[in-house]
């Protein structure tokens, strides 16, 4: 598998353990957001997709992301060691939430405030 997100944010998919795409997850999250939306442009040969995240109201976007995360907790070091040795699989639900958690974390300032810009379009390329 080994897919990547690049562009305005970067992510390496969990090898063989995450079957969804960043565009799919953002699209699902923004269904509950009146002031943000996702456009996905999928390549015809299965090579990947271009994803545009349009945020009109950044506070609402952060709110729906946090609702999606719920009580999400990052796995412990021991749990990750077990995953690395193929003793356990975490599956899409964990990795999708981990990906959005990291996306928010990477957009958090020194004061702990998650920052996105209102009226902004973010662009990503997802390699399949």
Protein backbone atom coordinates (compact mmCIF):
# COMPACT_ATOMS: atom_id res chain seq x y z
CA UNK A 1 0.00 0.00 0.00
CA UNK A 2 2.38 2.75 1.23
CA UNK A 3 0.45 5.85 0.13
CA UNK A 4 1.35 9.43 0.90
CA UNK A 5 -0.38 12.77 1.32
CA UNK A 6 1.62 15.76 0.14
CA UNK A 7 0.94 19.43 -0.50
CA UNK A 8 -0.24 21.71 2.30
CA UNK A 9 0.20 18.81 4.75
CA UNK A 10 2.10 15.53 4.68
CA UNK A 11 1.12 12.05 5.92
CA UNK A 12 2.45 8.54 5.34
CA UNK A 13 -0.31 5.94 5.44
CA UNK A 14 0.14 2.98 7.77
CA UNK A 15 1.56 0.33 5.47
CA UNK A 16 -1.15 -2.21 4.68
CA UNK A 17 -3.28 -1.16 7.66
CA UNK A 18 -5.16 1.89 6.38
CA UNK A 19 -7.46 1.42 3.41
CA UNK A 20 -9.15 4.81 3.35
CA UNK A 21 -7.82 8.04 1.85
CA UNK A 22 -7.33 11.49 3.31
CA UNK A 23 -9.90 12.85 0.85
CA UNK A 24 -12.49 10.26 1.93
CA UNK A 25 -11.98 11.06 5.60
CA UNK A 26 -12.14 14.84 5.07
CA UNK A 27 -15.23 14.41 2.93
CA UNK A 28 -16.93 12.40 5.68
CA UNK A 29 -16.00 14.95 8.36
CA UNK A 30 -17.17 17.96 6.35
CA UNK A 31 -20.64 16.44 5.78
CA UNK A 32 -21.40 17.89 9.23
CA UNK A 33 -19.84 21.27 8.47
CA UNK A 34 -21.93 23.92 6.75
CA UNK A 35 -18.97 26.27 6.34
CA UNK A 36 -16.38 23.90 4.87
CA UNK A 37 -16.32 21.42 2.02
CA UNK A 38 -14.05 19.06 0.15
CA UNK A 39 -13.55 18.64 -3.58
CA UNK A 40 -11.85 15.47 -4.79
CA UNK A 41 -10.44 14.98 -8.28
CA UNK A 42 -9.63 11.31 -8.79
CA UNK A 43 -7.21 10.25 -11.51
CA UNK A 44 -8.59 7.94 -14.20
CA UNK A 45 -5.71 5.45 -13.97
CA UNK A 46 -5.82 4.96 -10.20
CA UNK A 47 -2.67 6.98 -9.65
CA UNK A 48 -4.15 9.18 -6.93
CA UNK A 49 -6.33 12.15 -6.26
CA UNK A 50 -6.15 15.90 -5.82
CA UNK A 51 -8.03 17.07 -2.71
CA UNK A 52 -9.14 20.64 -1.98
CA UNK A 53 -10.30 21.51 1.52
CA UNK A 54 -12.22 24.79 1.54
CA UNK A 55 -12.63 26.28 4.99
CA UNK A 56 -14.99 29.23 5.28
CA UNK A 57 -15.22 29.11 9.08
CA UNK A 58 -12.15 27.58 10.74
CA UNK A 59 -13.80 27.30 14.17
CA UNK A 60 -16.58 25.15 12.74
CA UNK A 61 -14.06 22.99 10.89
CA UNK A 62 -12.06 22.37 14.06
CA UNK A 63 -15.29 21.59 15.92
CA UNK A 64 -16.39 18.88 13.45
CA UNK A 65 -12.87 17.41 13.45
CA UNK A 66 -12.94 17.16 17.25
CA UNK A 67 -16.39 15.56 17.11
CA UNK A 68 -15.00 13.01 14.64
CA UNK A 69 -12.11 12.28 17.01
CA UNK A 70 -14.36 11.83 20.04
CA UNK A 71 -12.32 10.24 22.84
CA UNK A 72 -9.49 9.16 20.51
CA UNK A 73 -6.20 8.23 22.19
CA UNK A 74 -2.88 7.61 20.45
CA UNK A 75 -1.60 4.07 20.95
CA UNK A 76 1.09 3.48 23.56
CA UNK A 77 4.67 2.67 22.66
CA UNK A 78 4.06 -0.98 23.62
CA UNK A 79 0.95 -1.17 21.42
CA UNK A 80 2.91 0.34 18.52
CA UNK A 81 5.69 -2.24 19.00
CA UNK A 82 3.07 -4.99 18.73
CA UNK A 83 1.71 -3.37 15.57
CA UNK A 84 5.22 -3.09 14.07
CA UNK A 85 5.72 -6.82 14.55
CA UNK A 86 2.30 -7.61 13.01
CA UNK A 87 0.88 -8.97 16.27
CA UNK A 88 -2.10 -6.58 16.04
CA UNK A 89 -3.90 -4.49 13.42
CA UNK A 90 -5.54 -1.21 14.29
CA UNK A 91 -7.61 -0.79 11.11
CA UNK A 92 -9.18 2.20 9.36
CA UNK A 93 -11.04 3.69 12.31
CA UNK A 94 -7.87 4.09 14.37
CA UNK A 95 -5.68 5.30 11.50
CA UNK A 96 -8.31 7.71 10.17
CA UNK A 97 -8.60 9.30 13.60
CA UNK A 98 -4.83 9.24 14.07
CA UNK A 99 -4.42 11.02 10.73
CA UNK A 100 -6.93 13.77 11.63
CA UNK A 101 -5.43 14.08 15.14
CA UNK A 102 -1.99 14.61 13.55
CA UNK A 103 -3.46 17.04 10.99
CA UNK A 104 -4.88 19.16 13.83
CA UNK A 105 -1.69 18.81 15.89
CA UNK A 106 0.45 19.98 12.96
CA UNK A 107 -1.77 23.05 12.70
CA UNK A 108 -1.53 23.94 16.40
CA UNK A 109 0.46 27.01 17.44
CA UNK A 110 2.85 27.37 20.41
CA UNK A 111 -0.06 28.48 22.62
CA UNK A 112 -2.00 25.27 21.92
CA UNK A 113 -4.57 26.87 19.60
CA UNK A 114 -5.47 25.00 16.42
CA UNK A 115 -5.07 27.45 13.55
CA UNK A 116 -6.61 27.31 10.12
CA UNK A 117 -7.38 30.38 8.04
CA UNK A 118 -10.98 31.41 7.32
CA UNK A 119 -11.89 31.69 3.63
CA UNK A 120 -8.89 29.52 2.68
CA UNK A 121 -8.41 26.56 0.33
CA UNK A 122 -5.87 23.89 1.27
CA UNK A 123 -4.57 21.55 -1.42
CA UNK A 124 -3.32 17.99 -1.06
CA UNK A 125 -2.27 15.21 -3.36
CA UNK A 126 -2.97 11.65 -2.25
CA UNK A 127 -0.84 9.00 -3.92
CA UNK A 128 -2.50 5.58 -4.20
